[in-house]
Each structure stands twice: as C-alpha cells, then as structure tokens.
Amino acid sequence: MTATAVLMAQVQARLAEDPVHVREALTLIAHPDALPARNRLSDTARTVNTHRLAQAREEFFSHAYRGEQVRAQLGGITRQALNQRVRAGKLLALPAANTSWFPDWQFTPAGDVVAGLEKLLVVLPGSPLAADRLVRSPIPEERGRSVADLLAAGKLALAVHYAGTAGGDR
C-alpha cells in the first residue's frame, strides 16, 4: 500500500469518527479560496481551543484527588512537602481553584504513590492535562490498555516505553 493510500485510509477512518471537524478540514483542502477571513478564523480557533481545554480540564478533575486528600493519603504531610514532591518531579499536579489536583493513576488502591512513578513522569509532557490524556489513552498494541493500566499492573518499564514513544518530554 502506498503512503498516499495509507494516509487516505487514515483520513477515512478519522472522518467516520469525527465527521464535522474532518469535513471542515477537507473542505479547506479542496477549496482553499473558501478560507474564512483571518479574524474569523482566529475567533473560531480560539472558541474550539477554549472548548477543548475546558473538556480536558473537566475530564482531569473527574478522576483527580484534591491536594488535601493526597496529603492525608501520604500520612498527613504538609502542603509544602507535597509541593516539594511536585517540584521534584515525584508527583504530577494541576494547580486550580486554590489547590492542586493529582490524577488518581499515580496512586495504588491503598493510597500510596505507585512505585517508580518518577520514571514515568520524566517522559511525560510538561502539561499536566496533556500528560494525563496520554496516560489514559488506550494503546492498540496492548489490546486497549493504557499507560495507567500498565502502571497499575506493575509493568513500569512498558508504561515508560509507551509514554516515551508517544513523544512526551519534560
């Protein structure tokens, strides 16, 4: 199969997933003169990006612990000690609403930090939202399991491998 045929198959698959957005892009490719005025394009891009970020934040918060919960889980450590762990790259957190939020995949069911977590955090993107999305995304080669699933199963090296090959870089 040629590179163009592979690309067209990927476009067709993406079109089936998200016809509205893909159709807009294809229309611009087929009719470049139909490009909206520059200021309108910028407004549209800002609106789409704002919606995308709001959705990503909502997803993040839906499975994250507040800072005080994590402090309690870790034996009642101080806020400063928790912040030091974040700055040292031992925990991932998103500051928002006067606290920090910690994705749940960083912790065992007993509430401890997953062993070797800092090795994974090193290869993740610097943005907590991007890192969380990457860690939660299904990996086709792993029958749909995610980096978070691999981490929870104790497969740290495999989790780091997939996270690193996805292009993350702190």
N, C-alpha and C. Protein backbone atom coordinates (compact mmCIF):
# COMPACT_ATOMS: atom_id res chain seq x y z
N MET A 1 0.85 -1.17 0.00
CA MET A 1 0.00 0.00 0.00
C MET A 1 0.89 1.24 0.00
N THR A 2 0.60 2.19 -0.87
CA THR A 2 1.41 3.40 -0.95
C THR A 2 1.16 4.30 0.25
N ALA A 3 2.08 5.23 0.45
CA ALA A 3 1.95 6.17 1.57
C ALA A 3 0.66 6.99 1.43
N THR A 4 0.33 7.35 0.20
CA THR A 4 -0.90 8.12 -0.03
C THR A 4 -2.13 7.29 0.30
N ALA A 5 -2.12 6.03 -0.08
CA ALA A 5 -3.26 5.16 0.21
C ALA A 5 -3.41 4.97 1.73
N VAL A 6 -2.30 4.84 2.42
CA VAL A 6 -2.35 4.71 3.88
C VAL A 6 -2.94 5.98 4.50
N LEU A 7 -2.46 7.12 4.02
CA LEU A 7 -2.96 8.40 4.53
C LEU A 7 -4.46 8.55 4.25
N MET A 8 -4.89 8.19 3.08
CA MET A 8 -6.32 8.30 2.75
C MET A 8 -7.17 7.36 3.62
N ALA A 9 -6.64 6.20 3.91
CA ALA A 9 -7.36 5.28 4.79
C ALA A 9 -7.47 5.86 6.20
N GLN A 10 -6.41 6.52 6.65
CA GLN A 10 -6.45 7.16 7.96
C GLN A 10 -7.46 8.32 7.98
N VAL A 11 -7.48 9.10 6.90
CA VAL A 11 -8.44 10.20 6.80
C VAL A 11 -9.87 9.65 6.81
N GLN A 12 -10.09 8.59 6.07
CA GLN A 12 -11.42 7.99 6.01
C GLN A 12 -11.85 7.48 7.39
N ALA A 13 -10.93 6.86 8.12
CA ALA A 13 -11.25 6.37 9.47
C ALA A 13 -11.55 7.54 10.40
N ARG A 14 -10.76 8.59 10.31
CA ARG A 14 -10.99 9.78 11.15
C ARG A 14 -12.30 10.46 10.78
N LEU A 15 -12.65 10.47 9.49
CA LEU A 15 -13.91 11.04 9.04
C LEU A 15 -15.09 10.30 9.64
N ALA A 16 -14.98 9.00 9.76
CA ALA A 16 -16.05 8.21 10.37
C ALA A 16 -16.18 8.52 11.86
N GLU A 17 -15.06 8.82 12.53
CA GLU A 17 -15.06 9.15 13.97
C GLU A 17 -15.62 10.53 14.25
N ASP A 18 -15.20 11.51 13.45
CA ASP A 18 -15.49 12.92 13.75
C ASP A 18 -15.81 13.66 12.44
N PRO A 19 -16.97 13.37 11.83
CA PRO A 19 -17.25 13.92 10.51
C PRO A 19 -17.28 15.44 10.43
N VAL A 20 -17.74 16.10 11.46
CA VAL A 20 -17.86 17.56 11.40
C VAL A 20 -16.50 18.22 11.25
N HIS A 21 -15.57 17.89 12.13
CA HIS A 21 -14.26 18.53 12.09
C HIS A 21 -13.46 18.12 10.87
N VAL A 22 -13.51 16.85 10.50
CA VAL A 22 -12.74 16.39 9.35
C VAL A 22 -13.30 16.99 8.06
N ARG A 23 -14.61 17.09 7.97
CA ARG A 23 -15.23 17.68 6.77
C ARG A 23 -14.78 19.13 6.58
N GLU A 24 -14.68 19.88 7.71
CA GLU A 24 -14.21 21.27 7.63
C GLU A 24 -12.79 21.32 7.07
N ALA A 25 -11.92 20.44 7.54
CA ALA A 25 -10.54 20.43 7.07
C ALA A 25 -10.47 20.02 5.60
N LEU A 26 -11.25 19.01 5.23
CA LEU A 26 -11.24 18.57 3.84
C LEU A 26 -11.79 19.65 2.90
N THR A 27 -12.77 20.40 3.36
CA THR A 27 -13.31 21.48 2.56
C THR A 27 -12.23 22.53 2.29
N LEU A 28 -11.43 22.83 3.30
CA LEU A 28 -10.36 23.81 3.12
C LEU A 28 -9.29 23.29 2.15
N ILE A 29 -9.03 21.98 2.17
CA ILE A 29 -8.06 21.41 1.24
C ILE A 29 -8.61 21.46 -0.18
N ALA A 30 -9.87 21.09 -0.33
CA ALA A 30 -10.48 21.05 -1.67
C ALA A 30 -10.74 22.45 -2.23
N HIS A 31 -11.05 23.40 -1.36
CA HIS A 31 -11.39 24.77 -1.79
C HIS A 31 -10.62 25.78 -0.95
N PRO A 32 -9.33 25.94 -1.20
CA PRO A 32 -8.53 26.84 -0.36
C PRO A 32 -9.01 28.29 -0.39
N ASP A 33 -9.71 28.67 -1.45
CA ASP A 33 -10.23 30.04 -1.51
C ASP A 33 -11.39 30.24 -0.55
N ALA A 34 -11.92 29.17 -0.01
CA ALA A 34 -13.06 29.26 0.93
C ALA A 34 -12.60 29.53 2.35
N LEU A 35 -11.30 29.76 2.52
CA LEU A 35 -10.77 30.03 3.85
C LEU A 35 -11.44 31.25 4.44
N PRO A 36 -11.94 31.15 5.67
CA PRO A 36 -12.60 32.32 6.28
C PRO A 36 -11.62 33.47 6.45
N ALA A 37 -12.15 34.65 6.60
CA ALA A 37 -11.31 35.82 6.84
C ALA A 37 -10.43 35.56 8.06
N ARG A 38 -9.24 36.13 8.06
CA ARG A 38 -8.25 35.84 9.10
C ARG A 38 -8.81 36.07 10.52
N ASN A 39 -9.49 37.17 10.74
CA ASN A 39 -10.01 37.43 12.08
C ASN A 39 -11.09 36.43 12.46
N ARG A 40 -11.89 35.99 11.52
CA ARG A 40 -12.93 34.99 11.82
C ARG A 40 -12.30 33.63 12.11
N LEU A 41 -11.26 33.29 11.39
CA LEU A 41 -10.55 32.03 11.63
C LEU A 41 -9.96 32.03 13.03
N SER A 42 -9.38 33.14 13.43
CA SER A 42 -8.79 33.22 14.77
C SER A 42 -9.86 33.07 15.85
N ASP A 43 -11.01 33.71 15.66
CA ASP A 43 -12.09 33.58 16.63
C ASP A 43 -12.57 32.13 16.72
N THR A 44 -12.69 31.50 15.58
CA THR A 44 -13.13 30.10 15.55
C THR A 44 -12.11 29.22 16.24
N ALA A 45 -10.84 29.43 15.94
CA ALA A 45 -9.78 28.63 16.56
C ALA A 45 -9.78 28.83 18.08
N ARG A 46 -9.94 30.07 18.53
CA ARG A 46 -9.98 30.34 19.97
C ARG A 46 -11.17 29.64 20.63
N THR A 47 -12.31 29.68 19.97
CA THR A 47 -13.51 29.04 20.52
C THR A 47 -13.32 27.53 20.63
N VAL A 48 -12.81 26.93 19.57
CA VAL A 48 -12.58 25.49 19.57
C VAL A 48 -11.56 25.12 20.64
N ASN A 49 -10.48 25.89 20.73
CA ASN A 49 -9.45 25.59 21.72
C ASN A 49 -9.97 25.76 23.14
N THR A 50 -10.76 26.79 23.38
CA THR A 50 -11.33 27.01 24.71
C THR A 50 -12.22 25.83 25.10
N HIS A 51 -13.03 25.37 24.16
CA HIS A 51 -13.91 24.22 24.43
C HIS A 51 -13.09 22.95 24.69
N ARG A 52 -12.06 22.74 23.89
CA ARG A 52 -11.20 21.55 24.04
C ARG A 52 -10.51 21.55 25.40
N LEU A 53 -9.98 22.70 25.80
CA LEU A 53 -9.31 22.78 27.09
C LEU A 53 -10.28 22.61 28.26
N ALA A 54 -11.47 23.18 28.14
CA ALA A 54 -12.48 23.02 29.20
C ALA A 54 -12.85 21.55 29.35
N GLN A 55 -13.01 20.87 28.24
CA GLN A 55 -13.35 19.44 28.30
C GLN A 55 -12.19 18.64 28.92
N ALA A 56 -10.97 18.96 28.54
CA ALA A 56 -9.81 18.25 29.10
C ALA A 56 -9.71 18.48 30.60
N ARG A 57 -9.96 19.71 31.04
CA ARG A 57 -9.91 20.01 32.48
C ARG A 57 -11.01 19.26 33.23
N GLU A 58 -12.20 19.24 32.65
CA GLU A 58 -13.32 18.54 33.28
C GLU A 58 -13.01 17.05 33.43
N GLU A 59 -12.44 16.45 32.38
CA GLU A 59 -12.06 15.04 32.45
C GLU A 59 -10.98 14.83 33.52
N PHE A 60 -10.01 15.73 33.55
CA PHE A 60 -8.93 15.63 34.52
C PHE A 60 -9.49 15.66 35.94
N PHE A 61 -10.31 16.65 36.25
CA PHE A 61 -10.86 16.80 37.60
C PHE A 61 -11.75 15.62 37.99
N SER A 62 -12.37 14.97 37.03
CA SER A 62 -13.29 13.88 37.34
C SER A 62 -12.58 12.66 37.94
N HIS A 63 -11.29 12.55 37.75
CA HIS A 63 -10.56 11.41 38.29
C HIS A 63 -9.27 11.85 39.01
N ALA A 64 -9.35 13.02 39.63
CA ALA A 64 -8.19 13.53 40.36
C ALA A 64 -8.54 13.76 41.83
N TYR A 65 -7.52 13.67 42.66
CA TYR A 65 -7.67 13.95 44.08
C TYR A 65 -7.25 15.39 44.36
N ARG A 66 -7.94 16.02 45.28
CA ARG A 66 -7.54 17.35 45.74
C ARG A 66 -6.27 17.21 46.59
N GLY A 67 -5.52 18.29 46.68
CA GLY A 67 -4.27 18.27 47.44
C GLY A 67 -4.43 17.79 48.87
N GLU A 68 -5.49 18.23 49.55
CA GLU A 68 -5.67 17.81 50.94
C GLU A 68 -5.92 16.31 51.06
N GLN A 69 -6.58 15.72 50.05
CA GLN A 69 -6.78 14.27 50.06
C GLN A 69 -5.44 13.54 49.93
N VAL A 70 -4.61 14.04 49.04
CA VAL A 70 -3.30 13.41 48.82
C VAL A 70 -2.43 13.57 50.06
N ARG A 71 -2.46 14.74 50.68
CA ARG A 71 -1.68 14.95 51.90
C ARG A 71 -2.09 13.95 52.97
N ALA A 72 -3.40 13.71 53.11
CA ALA A 72 -3.89 12.74 54.09
C ALA A 72 -3.46 11.32 53.73
N GLN A 73 -3.55 10.98 52.45
CA GLN A 73 -3.15 9.64 51.98
C GLN A 73 -1.68 9.37 52.29
N LEU A 74 -0.88 10.43 52.18
CA LEU A 74 0.56 10.27 52.37
C LEU A 74 0.99 10.50 53.82
N GLY A 75 0.07 10.29 54.73
CA GLY A 75 0.40 10.33 56.15
C GLY A 75 0.31 11.70 56.78
N GLY A 76 -0.46 12.58 56.19
CA GLY A 76 -0.64 13.90 56.78
C GLY A 76 0.53 14.84 56.55
N ILE A 77 1.21 14.69 55.42
CA ILE A 77 2.35 15.58 55.13
C ILE A 77 1.86 17.02 54.95
N THR A 78 2.75 17.95 55.07
CA THR A 78 2.40 19.37 54.95
C THR A 78 2.18 19.73 53.48
N ARG A 79 1.53 20.86 53.28
CA ARG A 79 1.31 21.37 51.93
C ARG A 79 2.67 21.64 51.25
N GLN A 80 3.62 22.15 52.02
CA GLN A 80 4.94 22.44 51.47
C GLN A 80 5.65 21.15 51.04
N ALA A 81 5.53 20.11 51.84
CA ALA A 81 6.16 18.83 51.49
C ALA A 81 5.55 18.26 50.22
N LEU A 82 4.23 18.41 50.08
CA LEU A 82 3.57 17.93 48.87
C LEU A 82 4.03 18.75 47.66
N ASN A 83 4.10 20.05 47.81
CA ASN A 83 4.57 20.90 46.71
C ASN A 83 6.01 20.58 46.33
N GLN A 84 6.84 20.24 47.30
CA GLN A 84 8.22 19.85 47.01
C GLN A 84 8.26 18.59 46.15
N ARG A 85 7.38 17.66 46.45
CA ARG A 85 7.33 16.43 45.64
C ARG A 85 6.93 16.74 44.20
N VAL A 86 6.01 17.66 44.04
CA VAL A 86 5.59 18.05 42.68
C VAL A 86 6.77 18.71 41.96
N ARG A 87 7.42 19.68 42.62
CA ARG A 87 8.55 20.38 42.00
C ARG A 87 9.71 19.44 41.69
N ALA A 88 9.88 18.41 42.51
CA ALA A 88 10.97 17.45 42.30
C ALA A 88 10.63 16.41 41.23
N GLY A 89 9.43 16.46 40.67
CA GLY A 89 9.05 15.50 39.64
C GLY A 89 8.64 14.15 40.17
N LYS A 90 8.22 14.09 41.44
CA LYS A 90 7.81 12.83 42.04
C LYS A 90 6.30 12.64 41.99
N LEU A 91 5.57 13.72 41.73
CA LEU A 91 4.12 13.67 41.56
C LEU A 91 3.72 14.69 40.50
N LEU A 92 2.64 14.39 39.80
CA LEU A 92 2.10 15.30 38.79
C LEU A 92 0.86 15.97 39.37
N ALA A 93 0.79 17.29 39.23
CA ALA A 93 -0.35 18.02 39.78
C ALA A 93 -0.73 19.16 38.85
N LEU A 94 -1.99 19.51 38.89
CA LEU A 94 -2.52 20.66 38.15
C LEU A 94 -3.06 21.65 39.18
N PRO A 95 -2.45 22.83 39.28
CA PRO A 95 -2.99 23.82 40.22
C PRO A 95 -4.27 24.44 39.66
N ALA A 96 -5.31 24.48 40.48
CA ALA A 96 -6.58 25.09 40.07
C ALA A 96 -7.46 25.26 41.29
N ALA A 97 -8.24 26.31 41.30
CA ALA A 97 -9.23 26.55 42.35
C ALA A 97 -8.61 26.50 43.74
N ASN A 98 -7.49 27.18 43.90
CA ASN A 98 -6.83 27.32 45.20
C ASN A 98 -6.30 26.02 45.79
N THR A 99 -6.09 25.03 44.97
CA THR A 99 -5.49 23.77 45.43
C THR A 99 -4.77 23.14 44.25
N SER A 100 -4.15 22.03 44.48
CA SER A 100 -3.56 21.24 43.40
C SER A 100 -4.36 19.96 43.27
N TRP A 101 -4.47 19.49 42.05
CA TRP A 101 -5.23 18.27 41.75
C TRP A 101 -4.27 17.23 41.21
N PHE A 102 -4.41 15.99 41.69
CA PHE A 102 -3.48 14.90 41.39
C PHE A 102 -4.22 13.76 40.71
N PRO A 103 -3.85 13.40 39.48
CA PRO A 103 -4.53 12.28 38.81
C PRO A 103 -4.44 11.00 39.64
N ASP A 104 -5.54 10.27 39.68
CA ASP A 104 -5.62 9.07 40.53
C ASP A 104 -4.69 7.95 40.11
N TRP A 105 -4.26 7.91 38.85
CA TRP A 105 -3.41 6.82 38.39
C TRP A 105 -2.02 6.85 39.03
N GLN A 106 -1.70 7.90 39.77
CA GLN A 106 -0.40 8.00 40.44
C GLN A 106 -0.37 7.22 41.75
N PHE A 107 -1.54 6.71 42.16
CA PHE A 107 -1.66 6.10 43.48
C PHE A 107 -2.18 4.67 43.39
N THR A 108 -1.76 3.86 44.35
CA THR A 108 -2.25 2.49 44.45
C THR A 108 -3.64 2.54 45.10
N PRO A 109 -4.38 1.44 45.04
CA PRO A 109 -5.68 1.41 45.74
C PRO A 109 -5.56 1.70 47.24
N ALA A 110 -4.40 1.40 47.83
CA ALA A 110 -4.18 1.68 49.25
C ALA A 110 -3.83 3.14 49.51
N GLY A 111 -3.63 3.92 48.44
CA GLY A 111 -3.34 5.34 48.60
C GLY A 111 -1.87 5.71 48.55
N ASP A 112 -1.00 4.74 48.34
CA ASP A 112 0.44 5.02 48.25
C ASP A 112 0.78 5.48 46.83
N VAL A 113 1.90 6.15 46.68
CA VAL A 113 2.38 6.53 45.35
C VAL A 113 2.84 5.26 44.65
N VAL A 114 2.48 5.12 43.38
CA VAL A 114 2.88 3.95 42.59
C VAL A 114 4.40 3.89 42.53
N ALA A 115 4.93 2.71 42.74
CA ALA A 115 6.39 2.52 42.71
C ALA A 115 6.96 2.91 41.35
N GLY A 116 8.02 3.70 41.37
CA GLY A 116 8.70 4.10 40.14
C GLY A 116 8.01 5.20 39.37
N LEU A 117 7.02 5.84 39.95
CA LEU A 117 6.25 6.87 39.24
C LEU A 117 7.13 7.94 38.63
N GLU A 118 8.18 8.35 39.36
CA GLU A 118 9.02 9.44 38.84
C GLU A 118 9.69 9.08 37.52
N LYS A 119 9.92 7.79 37.26
CA LYS A 119 10.50 7.36 35.98
C LYS A 119 9.51 7.60 34.83
N LEU A 120 8.24 7.44 35.12
CA LEU A 120 7.21 7.72 34.12
C LEU A 120 7.06 9.23 33.92
N LEU A 121 7.02 9.97 35.00
CA LEU A 121 6.80 11.41 34.92
C LEU A 121 7.87 12.11 34.08
N VAL A 122 9.08 11.58 34.09
CA VAL A 122 10.18 12.18 33.33
C VAL A 122 9.89 12.21 31.83
N VAL A 123 9.19 11.20 31.32
CA VAL A 123 8.97 11.11 29.87
C VAL A 123 7.64 11.72 29.43
N LEU A 124 6.83 12.17 30.38
CA LEU A 124 5.52 12.73 30.02
C LEU A 124 5.64 14.20 29.62
N PRO A 125 4.67 14.69 28.86
CA PRO A 125 4.67 16.12 28.51
C PRO A 125 4.61 16.98 29.78
N GLY A 126 5.10 18.19 29.70
CA GLY A 126 5.12 19.09 30.83
C GLY A 126 3.74 19.55 31.28
N SER A 127 2.79 19.57 30.38
CA SER A 127 1.43 19.97 30.72
C SER A 127 0.73 18.84 31.45
N PRO A 128 0.22 19.09 32.67
CA PRO A 128 -0.50 18.03 33.37
C PRO A 128 -1.70 17.51 32.59
N LEU A 129 -2.40 18.39 31.87
CA LEU A 129 -3.55 17.93 31.07
C LEU A 129 -3.11 16.99 29.96
N ALA A 130 -2.05 17.38 29.25
CA ALA A 130 -1.54 16.53 28.16
C ALA A 130 -1.00 15.21 28.71
N ALA A 131 -0.28 15.28 29.82
CA ALA A 131 0.27 14.06 30.42
C ALA A 131 -0.84 13.11 30.83
N ASP A 132 -1.89 13.65 31.46
CA ASP A 132 -3.00 12.80 31.90
C ASP A 132 -3.70 12.16 30.71
N ARG A 133 -3.93 12.93 29.67
CA ARG A 133 -4.58 12.36 28.48
C ARG A 133 -3.74 11.25 27.86
N LEU A 134 -2.45 11.48 27.78
CA LEU A 134 -1.56 10.46 27.22
C LEU A 134 -1.61 9.19 28.07
N VAL A 135 -1.53 9.34 29.37
CA VAL A 135 -1.50 8.18 30.27
C VAL A 135 -2.81 7.40 30.23
N ARG A 136 -3.91 8.07 30.00
CA ARG A 136 -5.22 7.40 29.99
C ARG A 136 -5.65 6.88 28.61
N SER A 137 -4.93 7.26 27.57
CA SER A 137 -5.32 6.85 26.21
C SER A 137 -5.07 5.36 25.98
N PRO A 138 -6.01 4.68 25.33
CA PRO A 138 -5.81 3.26 25.03
C PRO A 138 -4.66 3.05 24.05
N ILE A 139 -3.92 1.98 24.25
CA ILE A 139 -2.80 1.63 23.39
C ILE A 139 -3.22 0.42 22.56
N PRO A 140 -3.37 0.57 21.25
CA PRO A 140 -3.82 -0.55 20.42
C PRO A 140 -2.94 -1.80 20.57
N GLU A 141 -1.62 -1.61 20.66
CA GLU A 141 -0.71 -2.76 20.78
C GLU A 141 -0.89 -3.51 22.09
N GLU A 142 -1.53 -2.88 23.05
CA GLU A 142 -1.77 -3.51 24.35
C GLU A 142 -3.25 -3.88 24.54
N ARG A 143 -3.93 -4.13 23.42
CA ARG A 143 -5.34 -4.51 23.42
C ARG A 143 -6.20 -3.48 24.16
N GLY A 144 -5.86 -2.21 23.97
CA GLY A 144 -6.67 -1.13 24.53
C GLY A 144 -6.31 -0.72 25.94
N ARG A 145 -5.36 -1.44 26.56
CA ARG A 145 -4.93 -0.99 27.89
C ARG A 145 -4.17 0.32 27.73
N SER A 146 -4.17 1.12 28.78
CA SER A 146 -3.49 2.41 28.76
C SER A 146 -2.18 2.34 29.54
N VAL A 147 -1.41 3.41 29.47
CA VAL A 147 -0.20 3.51 30.29
C VAL A 147 -0.60 3.40 31.77
N ALA A 148 -1.71 4.02 32.15
CA ALA A 148 -2.19 3.93 33.54
C ALA A 148 -2.48 2.48 33.92
N ASP A 149 -3.08 1.72 33.00
CA ASP A 149 -3.36 0.31 33.28
C ASP A 149 -2.06 -0.49 33.46
N LEU A 150 -1.09 -0.21 32.61
CA LEU A 150 0.20 -0.90 32.71
C LEU A 150 0.89 -0.55 34.03
N LEU A 151 0.82 0.72 34.40
CA LEU A 151 1.42 1.17 35.65
C LEU A 151 0.77 0.46 36.84
N ALA A 152 -0.55 0.38 36.83
CA ALA A 152 -1.29 -0.27 37.92
C ALA A 152 -0.97 -1.76 37.99
N ALA A 153 -0.65 -2.36 36.84
CA ALA A 153 -0.32 -3.79 36.80
C ALA A 153 1.14 -4.05 37.15
N GLY A 154 1.89 -2.99 37.49
CA GLY A 154 3.29 -3.16 37.86
C GLY A 154 4.23 -3.26 36.69
N LYS A 155 3.78 -2.91 35.50
CA LYS A 155 4.62 -3.00 34.30
C LYS A 155 5.21 -1.63 33.99
N LEU A 156 6.04 -1.14 34.90
CA LEU A 156 6.61 0.20 34.82
C LEU A 156 7.43 0.40 33.55
N ALA A 157 8.30 -0.54 33.23
CA ALA A 157 9.16 -0.39 32.05
C ALA A 157 8.33 -0.26 30.78
N LEU A 158 7.28 -1.06 30.67
CA LEU A 158 6.41 -0.99 29.50
C LEU A 158 5.64 0.32 29.48
N ALA A 159 5.16 0.76 30.62
CA ALA A 159 4.45 2.04 30.72
C ALA A 159 5.36 3.19 30.29
N VAL A 160 6.60 3.19 30.77
CA VAL A 160 7.56 4.23 30.41
C VAL A 160 7.87 4.17 28.91
N HIS A 161 7.99 2.96 28.39
CA HIS A 161 8.26 2.80 26.96
C HIS A 161 7.16 3.46 26.12
N TYR A 162 5.91 3.11 26.38
CA TYR A 162 4.81 3.66 25.60
C TYR A 162 4.66 5.17 25.79
N ALA A 163 4.82 5.65 27.01
CA ALA A 163 4.71 7.09 27.26
C ALA A 163 5.85 7.82 26.54
N GLY A 164 7.03 7.26 26.58
CA GLY A 164 8.19 7.89 25.93
C GLY A 164 8.09 7.90 24.42
N THR A 165 7.56 6.83 23.84
CA THR A 165 7.44 6.78 22.39
C THR A 165 6.29 7.62 21.86
N ALA A 166 5.41 8.08 22.76
CA ALA A 166 4.32 8.94 22.34
C ALA A 166 4.77 10.38 22.15
N GLY A 167 6.02 10.66 22.47
CA GLY A 167 6.57 11.98 22.19
C GLY A 167 6.61 12.92 23.36
N GLY A 168 6.34 12.44 24.55
CA GLY A 168 6.40 13.32 25.70
C GLY A 168 7.83 13.71 26.02
N ASP A 169 7.99 14.89 26.60
CA ASP A 169 9.31 15.34 27.00
C ASP A 169 9.15 16.48 27.98
N ARG A 170 9.60 16.28 29.18
CA ARG A 170 9.55 17.36 30.18
C ARG A 170 10.67 18.25 29.88
